[in-house]
Amino acid sequence: IAASLLCKDKVTLYNVPRISDVFALLNILKKINVTYSFKKNTLKIDSKNNAVRANLARAYASSEDFANAKTIYLDVVKADKQNWDALFELAKVCMSLGENELAEGYLIHLQESNPGYRTQEVNNLLSSL
């Protein structure tokens, strides 16, 4: 069940037992806004929760796994084009990968789309490129 949060698509699990451990996990999913249905012993999970995916990308970035962080941040930004935090972090990850032109493009897009967002930090990153 927990691994389903890492999937981009809906996940269907069959023969899921109706036990307290499963219901405890479902309660956690509900608290983090993951949509699911549990009928009979079939559990369908729609884990399009960008907060969970953004946290995973942040964890990858903090462990210097920038390639995986970039992949996940791209998914997050694609799903929510106004996720300014993810876009900002994506730019920083691209800089860490040496992809400065991409980083610059993301930062300029961020500046144009939301001029008040972390203005000083965005300007500092742009000037460092």
N, C-alpha and C. Protein backbone atom coordinates (compact mmCIF):
# COMPACT_ATOMS: atom_id res chain seq x y z
N ILE A 1 0.84 -1.20 0.00
CA ILE A 1 0.00 0.00 0.00
C ILE A 1 0.88 1.25 0.00
N ALA A 2 1.88 1.27 0.85
CA ALA A 2 2.75 2.44 0.92
C ALA A 2 3.48 2.66 -0.40
N ALA A 3 3.91 1.60 -1.05
CA ALA A 3 4.64 1.72 -2.31
C ALA A 3 3.75 2.31 -3.42
N SER A 4 2.45 2.18 -3.29
CA SER A 4 1.55 2.73 -4.31
C SER A 4 1.68 4.25 -4.42
N LEU A 5 2.15 4.90 -3.37
CA LEU A 5 2.32 6.35 -3.39
C LEU A 5 3.41 6.78 -4.37
N LEU A 6 4.27 5.85 -4.73
CA LEU A 6 5.36 6.16 -5.65
C LEU A 6 4.97 5.97 -7.10
N CYS A 7 3.79 5.43 -7.34
CA CYS A 7 3.34 5.15 -8.70
C CYS A 7 2.66 6.37 -9.31
N LYS A 8 2.86 6.54 -10.61
CA LYS A 8 2.23 7.66 -11.31
C LYS A 8 0.77 7.37 -11.62
N ASP A 9 0.45 6.10 -11.82
CA ASP A 9 -0.90 5.71 -12.22
C ASP A 9 -1.66 5.14 -11.04
N LYS A 10 -2.94 4.91 -11.28
CA LYS A 10 -3.76 4.27 -10.27
C LYS A 10 -3.26 2.85 -10.05
N VAL A 11 -3.39 2.38 -8.83
CA VAL A 11 -2.94 1.04 -8.46
C VAL A 11 -4.15 0.26 -7.95
N THR A 12 -4.27 -0.98 -8.40
CA THR A 12 -5.32 -1.86 -7.90
C THR A 12 -4.67 -3.06 -7.24
N LEU A 13 -5.03 -3.28 -5.99
CA LEU A 13 -4.52 -4.43 -5.23
C LEU A 13 -5.69 -5.38 -4.97
N TYR A 14 -5.45 -6.65 -5.22
CA TYR A 14 -6.49 -7.66 -5.02
C TYR A 14 -6.18 -8.50 -3.79
N ASN A 15 -7.19 -9.12 -3.24
CA ASN A 15 -7.06 -10.00 -2.09
C ASN A 15 -6.43 -9.29 -0.89
N VAL A 16 -6.82 -8.05 -0.69
CA VAL A 16 -6.32 -7.28 0.45
C VAL A 16 -7.14 -7.68 1.68
N PRO A 17 -6.48 -8.11 2.73
CA PRO A 17 -7.24 -8.53 3.91
C PRO A 17 -7.86 -7.33 4.62
N ARG A 18 -9.00 -7.54 5.21
CA ARG A 18 -9.69 -6.48 5.93
C ARG A 18 -9.28 -6.57 7.40
N ILE A 19 -8.04 -6.11 7.65
CA ILE A 19 -7.48 -6.18 9.00
C ILE A 19 -7.10 -4.77 9.47
N SER A 20 -6.85 -4.65 10.76
CA SER A 20 -6.60 -3.33 11.34
C SER A 20 -5.37 -2.64 10.74
N ASP A 21 -4.34 -3.39 10.38
CA ASP A 21 -3.15 -2.76 9.78
C ASP A 21 -3.50 -2.09 8.46
N VAL A 22 -4.31 -2.73 7.66
CA VAL A 22 -4.73 -2.15 6.38
C VAL A 22 -5.56 -0.89 6.63
N PHE A 23 -6.49 -0.97 7.57
CA PHE A 23 -7.33 0.20 7.86
C PHE A 23 -6.51 1.35 8.45
N ALA A 24 -5.46 1.03 9.19
CA ALA A 24 -4.58 2.08 9.72
C ALA A 24 -3.86 2.79 8.57
N LEU A 25 -3.39 2.03 7.60
CA LEU A 25 -2.74 2.63 6.43
C LEU A 25 -3.73 3.46 5.61
N LEU A 26 -4.94 2.98 5.47
CA LEU A 26 -5.96 3.73 4.73
C LEU A 26 -6.28 5.05 5.43
N ASN A 27 -6.26 5.05 6.75
CA ASN A 27 -6.49 6.27 7.50
C ASN A 27 -5.37 7.28 7.22
N ILE A 28 -4.14 6.81 7.13
CA ILE A 28 -3.01 7.69 6.80
C ILE A 28 -3.19 8.24 5.38
N LEU A 29 -3.57 7.37 4.44
CA LEU A 29 -3.78 7.83 3.07
C LEU A 29 -4.83 8.92 3.03
N LYS A 30 -5.89 8.74 3.78
CA LYS A 30 -6.96 9.74 3.82
C LYS A 30 -6.44 11.07 4.34
N LYS A 31 -5.59 11.04 5.36
CA LYS A 31 -5.05 12.26 5.95
C LYS A 31 -4.13 13.02 4.99
N ILE A 32 -3.49 12.31 4.07
CA ILE A 32 -2.61 13.00 3.12
C ILE A 32 -3.29 13.17 1.76
N ASN A 33 -4.61 13.08 1.76
CA ASN A 33 -5.44 13.36 0.58
C ASN A 33 -5.22 12.42 -0.59
N VAL A 34 -4.95 11.17 -0.30
CA VAL A 34 -4.86 10.15 -1.35
C VAL A 34 -6.25 9.54 -1.50
N THR A 35 -6.73 9.48 -2.73
CA THR A 35 -8.05 8.92 -3.01
C THR A 35 -7.95 7.41 -3.15
N TYR A 36 -8.89 6.71 -2.55
CA TYR A 36 -8.91 5.25 -2.66
C TYR A 36 -10.34 4.74 -2.52
N SER A 37 -10.53 3.50 -2.97
CA SER A 37 -11.79 2.80 -2.70
C SER A 37 -11.43 1.38 -2.30
N PHE A 38 -12.13 0.87 -1.33
CA PHE A 38 -11.86 -0.47 -0.80
C PHE A 38 -13.19 -1.21 -0.75
N LYS A 39 -13.43 -2.04 -1.77
CA LYS A 39 -14.67 -2.80 -1.87
C LYS A 39 -14.33 -4.27 -1.91
N LYS A 40 -15.04 -5.00 -1.08
CA LYS A 40 -14.75 -6.42 -0.89
C LYS A 40 -13.28 -6.50 -0.51
N ASN A 41 -12.47 -7.19 -1.26
CA ASN A 41 -11.04 -7.27 -0.93
C ASN A 41 -10.18 -6.62 -2.01
N THR A 42 -10.78 -5.69 -2.76
CA THR A 42 -10.05 -4.98 -3.81
C THR A 42 -9.85 -3.53 -3.39
N LEU A 43 -8.60 -3.11 -3.41
CA LEU A 43 -8.23 -1.76 -3.02
C LEU A 43 -7.70 -1.02 -4.23
N LYS A 44 -8.35 0.09 -4.58
CA LYS A 44 -7.91 0.93 -5.69
C LYS A 44 -7.40 2.24 -5.10
N ILE A 45 -6.15 2.58 -5.46
CA ILE A 45 -5.49 3.75 -4.90
C ILE A 45 -5.09 4.68 -6.03
N ASP A 46 -5.46 5.96 -5.89
CA ASP A 46 -5.05 6.99 -6.85
C ASP A 46 -4.11 7.92 -6.10
N SER A 47 -2.83 7.73 -6.33
CA SER A 47 -1.82 8.43 -5.52
C SER A 47 -1.29 9.69 -6.19
N LYS A 48 -2.14 10.39 -6.89
CA LYS A 48 -1.68 11.61 -7.55
C LYS A 48 -1.58 12.75 -6.54
N ASN A 49 -0.93 12.48 -5.46
CA ASN A 49 -0.74 13.47 -4.41
C ASN A 49 0.63 14.10 -4.61
N ASN A 50 0.63 15.31 -5.10
CA ASN A 50 1.89 15.97 -5.41
C ASN A 50 2.71 16.27 -4.17
N ALA A 51 2.10 16.46 -3.04
CA ALA A 51 2.87 16.73 -1.83
C ALA A 51 3.74 15.53 -1.48
N VAL A 52 3.19 14.35 -1.60
CA VAL A 52 3.96 13.14 -1.32
C VAL A 52 5.10 13.02 -2.32
N ARG A 53 4.80 13.23 -3.60
CA ARG A 53 5.83 13.11 -4.63
C ARG A 53 6.88 14.21 -4.50
N ALA A 54 6.48 15.41 -4.14
CA ALA A 54 7.46 16.48 -3.94
C ALA A 54 8.38 16.17 -2.76
N ASN A 55 7.82 15.59 -1.71
CA ASN A 55 8.66 15.19 -0.57
C ASN A 55 9.64 14.11 -0.96
N LEU A 56 9.21 13.19 -1.82
CA LEU A 56 10.11 12.15 -2.29
C LEU A 56 11.24 12.78 -3.12
N ALA A 57 10.89 13.72 -3.99
CA ALA A 57 11.91 14.40 -4.80
C ALA A 57 12.89 15.14 -3.90
N ARG A 58 12.37 15.79 -2.87
CA ARG A 58 13.22 16.51 -1.92
C ARG A 58 14.18 15.55 -1.23
N ALA A 59 13.67 14.36 -0.89
CA ALA A 59 14.54 13.36 -0.24
C ALA A 59 15.64 12.90 -1.20
N TYR A 60 15.28 12.68 -2.46
CA TYR A 60 16.30 12.31 -3.44
C TYR A 60 17.34 13.42 -3.57
N ALA A 61 16.90 14.66 -3.64
CA ALA A 61 17.84 15.77 -3.80
C ALA A 61 18.76 15.88 -2.58
N SER A 62 18.20 15.71 -1.40
CA SER A 62 19.03 15.83 -0.20
C SER A 62 20.05 14.70 -0.09
N SER A 63 19.76 13.57 -0.74
CA SER A 63 20.74 12.48 -0.76
C SER A 63 21.61 12.54 -2.02
N GLU A 64 21.52 13.66 -2.73
CA GLU A 64 22.30 13.94 -3.93
C GLU A 64 22.02 12.98 -5.09
N ASP A 65 20.82 12.42 -5.10
CA ASP A 65 20.36 11.62 -6.24
C ASP A 65 19.55 12.57 -7.12
N PHE A 66 20.27 13.45 -7.81
CA PHE A 66 19.62 14.53 -8.54
C PHE A 66 18.84 14.05 -9.76
N ALA A 67 19.27 12.95 -10.37
CA ALA A 67 18.56 12.45 -11.55
C ALA A 67 17.14 12.01 -11.17
N ASN A 68 17.01 11.25 -10.09
CA ASN A 68 15.68 10.84 -9.65
C ASN A 68 14.86 12.02 -9.14
N ALA A 69 15.52 12.95 -8.45
CA ALA A 69 14.82 14.15 -7.98
C ALA A 69 14.25 14.92 -9.16
N LYS A 70 15.04 15.06 -10.21
CA LYS A 70 14.58 15.79 -11.39
C LYS A 70 13.37 15.11 -12.02
N THR A 71 13.44 13.80 -12.18
CA THR A 71 12.33 13.05 -12.78
C THR A 71 11.04 13.28 -12.01
N ILE A 72 11.11 13.22 -10.70
CA ILE A 72 9.90 13.36 -9.89
C ILE A 72 9.41 14.80 -9.87
N TYR A 73 10.35 15.76 -9.76
CA TYR A 73 9.92 17.17 -9.80
C TYR A 73 9.26 17.49 -11.13
N LEU A 74 9.77 16.94 -12.22
CA LEU A 74 9.13 17.16 -13.52
C LEU A 74 7.69 16.65 -13.51
N ASP A 75 7.46 15.49 -12.92
CA ASP A 75 6.10 14.95 -12.81
C ASP A 75 5.22 15.86 -11.96
N VAL A 76 5.76 16.35 -10.86
CA VAL A 76 4.99 17.21 -9.97
C VAL A 76 4.59 18.50 -10.69
N VAL A 77 5.55 19.11 -11.39
CA VAL A 77 5.28 20.36 -12.10
C VAL A 77 4.32 20.14 -13.27
N LYS A 78 4.45 19.00 -13.92
CA LYS A 78 3.53 18.69 -15.02
C LYS A 78 2.09 18.57 -14.50
N ALA A 79 1.93 17.97 -13.32
CA ALA A 79 0.59 17.79 -12.75
C ALA A 79 0.03 19.09 -12.18
N ASP A 80 0.91 19.97 -11.72
CA ASP A 80 0.47 21.23 -11.12
C ASP A 80 1.42 22.34 -11.57
N LYS A 81 1.05 22.98 -12.64
CA LYS A 81 1.93 23.98 -13.27
C LYS A 81 2.16 25.21 -12.39
N GLN A 82 1.39 25.35 -11.33
CA GLN A 82 1.58 26.47 -10.41
C GLN A 82 2.20 26.04 -9.09
N ASN A 83 2.86 24.90 -9.09
CA ASN A 83 3.57 24.47 -7.88
C ASN A 83 4.93 25.15 -7.90
N TRP A 84 4.95 26.36 -7.38
CA TRP A 84 6.16 27.19 -7.46
C TRP A 84 7.31 26.59 -6.68
N ASP A 85 7.01 25.96 -5.55
CA ASP A 85 8.07 25.33 -4.77
C ASP A 85 8.77 24.24 -5.57
N ALA A 86 7.97 23.40 -6.22
CA ALA A 86 8.56 22.31 -7.02
C ALA A 86 9.35 22.86 -8.20
N LEU A 87 8.85 23.91 -8.82
CA LEU A 87 9.57 24.50 -9.95
C LEU A 87 10.90 25.09 -9.49
N PHE A 88 10.89 25.76 -8.36
CA PHE A 88 12.11 26.33 -7.80
C PHE A 88 13.12 25.23 -7.48
N GLU A 89 12.65 24.18 -6.84
CA GLU A 89 13.54 23.06 -6.48
C GLU A 89 14.03 22.34 -7.74
N LEU A 90 13.19 22.24 -8.75
CA LEU A 90 13.59 21.63 -10.02
C LEU A 90 14.75 22.42 -10.63
N ALA A 91 14.66 23.73 -10.57
CA ALA A 91 15.74 24.57 -11.10
C ALA A 91 17.04 24.31 -10.34
N LYS A 92 16.95 24.19 -9.02
CA LYS A 92 18.15 23.93 -8.23
C LYS A 92 18.75 22.55 -8.54
N VAL A 93 17.88 21.58 -8.74
CA VAL A 93 18.34 20.23 -9.10
C VAL A 93 19.05 20.26 -10.46
N CYS A 94 18.46 20.98 -11.42
CA CYS A 94 19.09 21.10 -12.74
C CYS A 94 20.47 21.75 -12.62
N MET A 95 20.59 22.74 -11.77
CA MET A 95 21.90 23.36 -11.55
C MET A 95 22.89 22.34 -11.00
N SER A 96 22.44 21.51 -10.08
CA SER A 96 23.31 20.48 -9.51
C SER A 96 23.74 19.46 -10.55
N LEU A 97 22.90 19.26 -11.55
CA LEU A 97 23.22 18.33 -12.64
C LEU A 97 24.05 19.00 -13.74
N GLY A 98 24.30 20.30 -13.59
CA GLY A 98 25.04 21.03 -14.61
C GLY A 98 24.19 21.42 -15.80
N GLU A 99 22.88 21.34 -15.64
CA GLU A 99 21.94 21.70 -16.71
C GLU A 99 21.49 23.15 -16.50
N ASN A 100 22.45 24.05 -16.66
CA ASN A 100 22.21 25.45 -16.32
C ASN A 100 21.20 26.14 -17.23
N GLU A 101 21.17 25.76 -18.50
CA GLU A 101 20.19 26.39 -19.41
C GLU A 101 18.77 26.01 -19.00
N LEU A 102 18.57 24.75 -18.64
CA LEU A 102 17.24 24.33 -18.16
C LEU A 102 16.90 25.08 -16.88
N ALA A 103 17.84 25.13 -15.96
CA ALA A 103 17.61 25.82 -14.68
C ALA A 103 17.23 27.27 -14.93
N GLU A 104 17.96 27.92 -15.81
CA GLU A 104 17.66 29.32 -16.12
C GLU A 104 16.25 29.47 -16.69
N GLY A 105 15.87 28.57 -17.57
CA GLY A 105 14.52 28.61 -18.14
C GLY A 105 13.45 28.45 -17.08
N TYR A 106 13.66 27.53 -16.15
CA TYR A 106 12.67 27.33 -15.07
C TYR A 106 12.59 28.57 -14.18
N LEU A 107 13.75 29.15 -13.85
CA LEU A 107 13.77 30.32 -12.98
C LEU A 107 13.13 31.54 -13.65
N ILE A 108 13.39 31.72 -14.94
CA ILE A 108 12.77 32.84 -15.65
C ILE A 108 11.26 32.63 -15.75
N HIS A 109 10.85 31.40 -16.02
CA HIS A 109 9.40 31.10 -16.05
C HIS A 109 8.78 31.40 -14.69
N LEU A 110 9.47 31.02 -13.64
CA LEU A 110 8.98 31.27 -12.28
C LEU A 110 8.87 32.77 -12.02
N GLN A 111 9.89 33.51 -12.42
CA GLN A 111 9.89 34.97 -12.25
C GLN A 111 8.73 35.63 -13.00
N GLU A 112 8.51 35.17 -14.23
CA GLU A 112 7.44 35.76 -15.04
C GLU A 112 6.06 35.37 -14.56
N SER A 113 5.92 34.14 -14.10
CA SER A 113 4.61 33.64 -13.70
C SER A 113 4.20 34.08 -12.31
N ASN A 114 5.17 34.23 -11.43
CA ASN A 114 4.88 34.60 -10.04
C ASN A 114 5.99 35.52 -9.55
N PRO A 115 5.95 36.78 -9.95
CA PRO A 115 7.06 37.70 -9.67
C PRO A 115 7.41 37.87 -8.18
N GLY A 116 6.47 37.66 -7.30
CA GLY A 116 6.74 37.84 -5.88
C GLY A 116 7.30 36.62 -5.18
N TYR A 117 7.45 35.53 -5.89
CA TYR A 117 7.88 34.29 -5.26
C TYR A 117 9.40 34.29 -5.04
N ARG A 118 9.81 34.25 -3.80
CA ARG A 118 11.23 34.13 -3.41
C ARG A 118 12.15 34.97 -4.30
N THR A 119 11.77 36.21 -4.48
CA THR A 119 12.43 37.09 -5.44
C THR A 119 13.94 37.11 -5.28
N GLN A 120 14.40 37.33 -4.06
CA GLN A 120 15.85 37.43 -3.84
C GLN A 120 16.56 36.11 -4.16
N GLU A 121 15.97 35.01 -3.72
CA GLU A 121 16.59 33.70 -3.98
C GLU A 121 16.63 33.39 -5.47
N VAL A 122 15.55 33.68 -6.17
CA VAL A 122 15.51 33.44 -7.61
C VAL A 122 16.56 34.31 -8.30
N ASN A 123 16.64 35.57 -7.92
CA ASN A 123 17.63 36.46 -8.52
C ASN A 123 19.05 36.00 -8.21
N ASN A 124 19.30 35.54 -7.00
CA ASN A 124 20.64 35.04 -6.66
C ASN A 124 21.01 33.83 -7.50
N LEU A 125 20.06 32.91 -7.69
CA LEU A 125 20.35 31.74 -8.51
C LEU A 125 20.59 32.13 -9.97
N LEU A 126 19.78 33.05 -10.46
CA LEU A 126 19.97 33.49 -11.85
C LEU A 126 21.33 34.16 -12.04
N SER A 127 21.74 34.96 -11.07
CA SER A 127 23.03 35.64 -11.21
C SER A 127 24.20 34.67 -11.06
N SER A 128 23.97 33.53 -10.44
CA SER A 128 25.07 32.56 -10.27
C SER A 128 25.25 31.69 -11.51
N LEU A 129 24.31 31.76 -12.44
CA LEU A 129 24.41 30.93 -13.66
C LEU A 129 25.36 31.53 -14.68
